[in-house]
Amino acid sequence: MNPDVVAHLRCPVCRETLRVADARTLRCPRGHSFDLARQGYADLSAGRSPHTGDTPEMVAARAAFLGSGHYGFVSAALADAAAGAGGLVVDVGGGTGQHLAVVLDRDPDLLGLVVDASKPALRRAAKAHERAGAVRADAWDRLPLADHGTAVLLDVFAPRNGAEFHRVLRADGRLLVVTPEPDHLAELVAALGLLAVDPAKEERLAASLDTHFTLVRRQSLRHTMRLDHAEVATVVGMGPSAWHRDAAAIDLPTPVEVTAAVRLDQYRPR
């Protein structure tokens, strides 16, 4: 793992700094050691992660769909909002790291880190960019990061731990949160009975962040996608509907035009 990224990590047991002890180990001054997987990510969950995250099938679907470029407009907006921050960009629940890679490509002065619970996702994220690392940790728990050392924090359709986000972000840091609009994937929701956007999502977002952050900008991002059968299967297979719907059994006339509608909120710490 990139030593410059490791410098921002903290031991999940004692909160001391971590260093690369050898090709397969991170270690803190108190002797706590953490394995670096052969694929390059570190498991810093310290046995506390209550879930395994996305399955291999969901990760493969996500990689295929994001790789097709249909959500490229989201990556580009994140790169615009993060440019010039200088320092570490942390993508919480960042999966395969494809959004983060675009952010890092835009600005050579940024380093990157994906935090996720899914080992299959982290195997890909560790190789997403030469200036990025990947660690396994629970977004709802204390993040294995230094206090006030993160320049930008990305949260794309991921859990929002307001107190922890505030702790790790610099005083001048940027929190970039992407959430689905009510009509996101509306055509597929209607045709396939997929899970719709929770109408209480807005209230929960405010409750999780308003105590610690001030909203400075809100953008509505929209794009019409033209999807073939395989792409419909991957967009279903990569999201929460994958737990309830067999993507391989989808029978829908294609190509189909589908609305991608999300909101990008930019916050600063209070």
Protein backbone atom coordinates (compact mmCIF):
# COMPACT_ATOMS: atom_id res chain seq x y z
CA MET A 1 0.00 0.00 0.00
CA ASN A 2 1.15 3.54 -0.77
CA PRO A 3 3.13 4.76 2.30
CA ASP A 4 1.72 8.27 1.90
CA VAL A 5 -1.78 6.83 2.31
CA VAL A 6 -0.71 4.64 5.25
CA ALA A 7 0.50 7.79 7.05
CA HIS A 8 -3.16 8.84 7.39
CA LEU A 9 -4.27 5.51 8.91
CA ARG A 10 -4.62 4.76 12.61
CA CYS A 11 -4.61 1.48 14.50
CA PRO A 12 -8.22 0.41 15.14
CA VAL A 13 -7.21 -0.96 18.56
CA CYS A 14 -5.12 1.81 20.16
CA ARG A 15 -5.39 4.72 17.65
CA GLU A 16 -1.61 4.93 17.19
CA THR A 17 -0.02 5.55 13.80
CA LEU A 18 0.52 2.65 11.42
CA ARG A 19 3.49 1.87 9.20
CA VAL A 20 4.26 -0.71 6.53
CA ALA A 21 6.25 -3.32 8.49
CA ASP A 22 6.79 -5.58 5.47
CA ALA A 23 5.09 -6.49 2.21
CA ARG A 24 2.18 -8.17 4.01
CA THR A 25 1.83 -6.31 7.32
CA LEU A 26 0.86 -2.97 8.85
CA ARG A 27 1.98 -2.41 12.44
CA CYS A 28 1.58 0.25 15.12
CA PRO A 29 4.17 1.21 17.81
CA ARG A 30 2.32 -0.90 20.39
CA GLY A 31 2.75 -4.02 18.27
CA HIS A 32 -0.75 -4.46 16.89
CA SER A 33 -0.40 -6.00 13.43
CA PHE A 34 -2.80 -6.12 10.50
CA ASP A 35 -2.48 -8.21 7.38
CA LEU A 36 -2.15 -6.72 3.95
CA ALA A 37 -4.05 -9.01 1.60
CA ARG A 38 -2.28 -10.34 -1.45
CA GLN A 39 -4.47 -8.01 -3.53
CA GLY A 40 -3.17 -4.99 -1.57
CA TYR A 41 -5.93 -3.96 0.86
CA ALA A 42 -5.65 -3.95 4.67
CA ASP A 43 -8.27 -5.37 7.03
CA LEU A 44 -8.61 -2.78 9.81
CA SER A 45 -11.98 -3.98 11.04
CA ALA A 46 -10.28 -5.58 14.09
CA GLY A 47 -13.02 -8.20 13.99
CA ARG A 48 -15.79 -5.68 14.61
CA SER A 49 -17.48 -5.52 11.20
CA PRO A 50 -21.05 -6.81 11.65
CA HIS A 51 -21.60 -7.44 7.94
CA THR A 52 -19.70 -8.57 4.88
CA GLY A 53 -20.84 -5.88 2.45
CA ASP A 54 -21.57 -6.50 -1.21
CA THR A 55 -21.29 -10.06 -2.52
CA PRO A 56 -18.87 -11.03 -5.33
CA GLU A 57 -21.80 -11.00 -7.74
CA MET A 58 -22.88 -7.52 -6.69
CA VAL A 59 -19.32 -6.23 -6.96
CA ALA A 60 -18.90 -7.71 -10.43
CA ALA A 61 -22.17 -6.06 -11.50
CA ARG A 62 -21.05 -2.72 -10.08
CA ALA A 63 -17.69 -2.89 -11.81
CA ALA A 64 -19.33 -3.76 -15.13
CA PHE A 65 -21.95 -1.02 -14.93
CA LEU A 66 -19.65 1.76 -13.73
CA GLY A 67 -17.07 0.65 -16.27
CA SER A 68 -19.62 1.25 -19.01
CA GLY A 69 -19.56 4.97 -18.19
CA HIS A 70 -23.26 5.43 -17.47
CA TYR A 71 -22.50 7.08 -14.12
CA GLY A 72 -19.55 9.00 -15.49
CA PHE A 73 -21.48 12.25 -14.98
CA VAL A 74 -21.46 11.54 -11.23
CA SER A 75 -17.72 10.85 -11.17
CA ALA A 76 -17.05 14.04 -13.14
CA ALA A 77 -19.10 16.16 -10.71
CA LEU A 78 -17.24 14.66 -7.75
CA ALA A 79 -13.91 15.38 -9.44
CA ASP A 80 -14.94 19.00 -10.03
CA ALA A 81 -15.98 19.42 -6.39
CA ALA A 82 -12.80 17.81 -4.99
CA ALA A 83 -10.28 19.55 -7.26
CA GLY A 84 -7.77 21.78 -5.53
CA ALA A 85 -8.38 20.44 -2.02
CA GLY A 86 -4.88 18.97 -1.72
CA GLY A 87 -4.44 15.94 0.52
CA LEU A 88 -6.36 12.73 1.19
CA VAL A 89 -9.70 11.86 -0.41
CA VAL A 90 -11.58 9.11 1.45
CA ASP A 91 -14.42 7.28 -0.31
CA VAL A 92 -16.59 5.72 2.41
CA GLY A 93 -18.49 2.73 1.10
CA GLY A 94 -16.49 3.31 -2.08
CA GLY A 95 -16.76 -0.25 -3.38
CA THR A 96 -14.47 -0.85 -6.33
CA GLY A 97 -13.01 2.68 -6.23
CA GLN A 98 -14.13 3.70 -9.69
CA HIS A 99 -15.48 7.12 -8.66
CA LEU A 100 -12.35 7.76 -6.59
CA ALA A 101 -10.07 6.91 -9.51
CA VAL A 102 -11.70 9.62 -11.63
CA VAL A 103 -11.26 12.15 -8.80
CA LEU A 104 -7.56 11.28 -8.50
CA ASP A 105 -7.01 11.41 -12.26
CA ARG A 106 -8.33 14.97 -12.28
CA ASP A 107 -5.96 16.28 -9.57
CA PRO A 108 -2.41 14.88 -9.18
CA ASP A 109 -2.06 16.50 -5.74
CA LEU A 110 -4.66 14.18 -4.20
CA LEU A 111 -4.21 10.80 -2.53
CA GLY A 112 -7.08 8.36 -2.19
CA LEU A 113 -8.47 5.73 0.16
CA VAL A 114 -11.48 3.44 -0.20
CA VAL A 115 -13.15 2.29 3.03
CA ASP A 116 -15.57 -0.59 2.56
CA ALA A 117 -16.78 -3.75 4.30
CA SER A 118 -16.76 -5.96 1.21
CA LYS A 119 -13.61 -7.97 0.59
CA PRO A 120 -14.53 -8.62 -3.07
CA ALA A 121 -14.90 -4.86 -3.60
CA LEU A 122 -11.64 -4.08 -1.82
CA ARG A 123 -9.71 -6.52 -4.01
CA ARG A 124 -10.63 -4.28 -6.92
CA ALA A 125 -10.34 -0.98 -5.05
CA ALA A 126 -6.73 -1.70 -4.04
CA LYS A 127 -5.83 -1.64 -7.72
CA ALA A 128 -8.12 1.22 -8.77
CA HIS A 129 -5.38 3.87 -8.83
CA GLU A 130 -1.66 4.11 -8.12
CA ARG A 131 -2.26 6.89 -5.58
CA ALA A 132 -5.03 5.05 -3.74
CA GLY A 133 -5.22 2.47 -0.97
CA ALA A 134 -8.07 0.38 0.40
CA VAL A 135 -9.03 -0.76 3.89
CA ARG A 136 -11.78 -2.90 5.34
CA ALA A 137 -13.74 -1.15 8.08
CA ASP A 138 -17.31 -0.54 9.16
CA ALA A 139 -18.61 2.90 8.19
CA TRP A 140 -20.87 2.90 11.27
CA ASP A 141 -17.92 2.36 13.60
CA ARG A 142 -14.90 4.56 14.31
CA LEU A 143 -12.97 4.98 11.07
CA PRO A 144 -9.28 3.96 11.17
CA LEU A 145 -8.17 7.48 10.24
CA ALA A 146 -6.36 10.36 11.93
CA ASP A 147 -8.35 13.20 13.48
CA HIS A 148 -8.86 16.11 11.08
CA GLY A 149 -6.47 14.77 8.44
CA THR A 150 -8.82 14.16 5.50
CA ALA A 151 -9.24 16.83 2.83
CA VAL A 152 -12.31 15.40 1.04
CA LEU A 153 -14.76 12.71 2.03
CA LEU A 154 -16.94 11.07 -0.63
CA ASP A 155 -20.19 9.34 0.24
CA VAL A 156 -21.98 7.92 -2.81
CA PHE A 157 -25.15 5.98 -1.91
CA ALA A 158 -23.34 4.94 1.29
CA PRO A 159 -23.90 5.10 5.07
CA ARG A 160 -23.47 8.55 6.61
CA ASN A 161 -21.78 8.65 9.99
CA GLY A 162 -21.89 12.37 10.68
CA ALA A 163 -19.87 12.37 13.88
CA GLU A 164 -17.06 10.31 12.38
CA PHE A 165 -17.03 12.30 9.16
CA HIS A 166 -16.61 15.45 11.21
CA ARG A 167 -13.82 13.92 13.29
CA VAL A 168 -11.68 12.87 10.31
CA LEU A 169 -12.21 15.91 8.07
CA ARG A 170 -9.93 18.92 8.22
CA ALA A 171 -11.44 22.22 9.36
CA ASP A 172 -11.42 23.29 5.70
CA GLY A 173 -12.45 19.84 4.48
CA ARG A 174 -15.19 18.99 2.02
CA LEU A 175 -17.92 16.39 2.46
CA LEU A 176 -19.51 15.34 -0.84
CA VAL A 177 -22.70 13.29 -0.50
CA VAL A 178 -24.50 11.72 -3.48
CA THR A 179 -28.05 10.48 -2.94
CA PRO A 180 -30.71 9.25 -5.39
CA GLU A 181 -33.55 11.55 -6.37
CA PRO A 182 -37.12 10.15 -6.15
CA ASP A 183 -37.21 9.33 -9.88
CA HIS A 184 -33.80 7.66 -10.02
CA LEU A 185 -34.15 4.53 -12.21
CA ALA A 186 -37.90 5.18 -12.23
CA GLU A 187 -38.49 3.23 -15.44
CA LEU A 188 -36.89 0.10 -13.98
CA VAL A 189 -38.59 0.53 -10.62
CA ALA A 190 -41.98 0.62 -12.37
CA ALA A 191 -41.31 -2.21 -14.83
CA LEU A 192 -39.49 -4.60 -12.52
CA GLY A 193 -40.86 -3.76 -9.09
CA LEU A 194 -37.47 -2.71 -7.75
CA LEU A 195 -36.94 -1.04 -4.40
CA ALA A 196 -37.87 2.64 -4.68
CA VAL A 197 -36.16 5.57 -2.98
CA ASP A 198 -37.30 5.77 0.63
CA PRO A 199 -39.42 8.95 1.07
CA ALA A 200 -37.90 9.40 4.54
CA LYS A 201 -34.36 9.45 3.15
CA GLU A 202 -34.17 13.25 3.14
CA GLU A 203 -35.12 13.43 6.81
CA ARG A 204 -32.53 10.81 7.75
CA LEU A 205 -29.82 12.60 5.78
CA ALA A 206 -30.51 15.83 7.61
CA ALA A 207 -30.54 14.09 10.97
CA SER A 208 -27.20 12.42 10.32
CA LEU A 209 -25.31 15.51 9.15
CA ASP A 210 -26.92 18.78 10.27
CA THR A 211 -25.38 18.74 13.74
CA HIS A 212 -21.86 18.61 12.35
CA PHE A 213 -21.98 20.19 8.88
CA THR A 214 -23.25 23.18 6.94
CA LEU A 215 -24.64 22.69 3.44
CA VAL A 216 -22.80 25.00 1.01
CA ARG A 217 -24.02 23.78 -2.38
CA ARG A 218 -26.68 21.48 -3.81
CA GLN A 219 -26.63 20.16 -7.36
CA SER A 220 -29.20 18.07 -9.22
CA LEU A 221 -27.46 15.74 -11.68
CA ARG A 222 -29.52 14.03 -14.36
CA HIS A 223 -28.74 11.81 -17.31
CA THR A 224 -30.78 9.57 -19.61
CA MET A 225 -29.20 6.15 -20.08
CA ARG A 226 -29.95 3.81 -22.96
CA LEU A 227 -29.45 0.32 -21.55
CA ASP A 228 -29.31 -3.08 -23.21
CA HIS A 229 -30.38 -6.28 -21.46
CA ALA A 230 -26.97 -6.95 -19.90
CA GLU A 231 -26.75 -3.40 -18.56
CA VAL A 232 -30.22 -3.61 -17.02
CA ALA A 233 -29.14 -6.81 -15.29
CA THR A 234 -25.99 -5.19 -13.93
CA VAL A 235 -27.70 -2.05 -12.63
CA VAL A 236 -30.23 -4.25 -10.81
CA GLY A 237 -27.54 -6.63 -9.63
CA MET A 238 -25.29 -3.97 -8.12
CA GLY A 239 -27.88 -2.30 -5.88
CA PRO A 240 -30.08 -3.21 -2.92
CA SER A 241 -32.61 -4.87 -5.21
CA ALA A 242 -30.02 -7.60 -5.83
CA TRP A 243 -30.95 -9.05 -2.44
CA HIS A 244 -34.58 -9.42 -3.56
CA ARG A 245 -34.50 -9.87 -7.34
CA ASP A 246 -32.66 -12.35 -9.59
CA ALA A 247 -31.00 -10.06 -12.13
CA ALA A 248 -30.36 -12.97 -14.49
CA ALA A 249 -34.11 -13.66 -14.74
CA ILE A 250 -35.08 -10.15 -15.90
CA ASP A 251 -37.34 -10.20 -18.96
CA LEU A 252 -37.64 -6.63 -20.25
CA PRO A 253 -37.66 -5.39 -23.86
CA THR A 254 -34.40 -3.57 -24.52
CA PRO A 255 -32.84 -1.19 -25.25
CA VAL A 256 -34.69 0.93 -22.70
CA GLU A 257 -34.21 4.56 -21.75
CA VAL A 258 -33.69 4.93 -18.01
CA THR A 259 -33.42 8.08 -15.91
CA ALA A 260 -30.34 8.49 -13.73
CA ALA A 261 -31.16 11.26 -11.24
CA VAL A 262 -29.02 12.03 -8.22
CA ARG A 263 -28.23 14.93 -5.94
CA LEU A 264 -24.75 16.07 -4.98
CA ASP A 265 -24.63 17.96 -1.68
CA GLN A 266 -21.42 19.71 -0.65
CA TYR A 267 -20.88 20.35 3.06
CA ARG A 268 -18.23 21.99 5.21
CA PRO A 269 -17.60 21.12 8.87
CA ARG A 270 -19.19 23.39 11.48
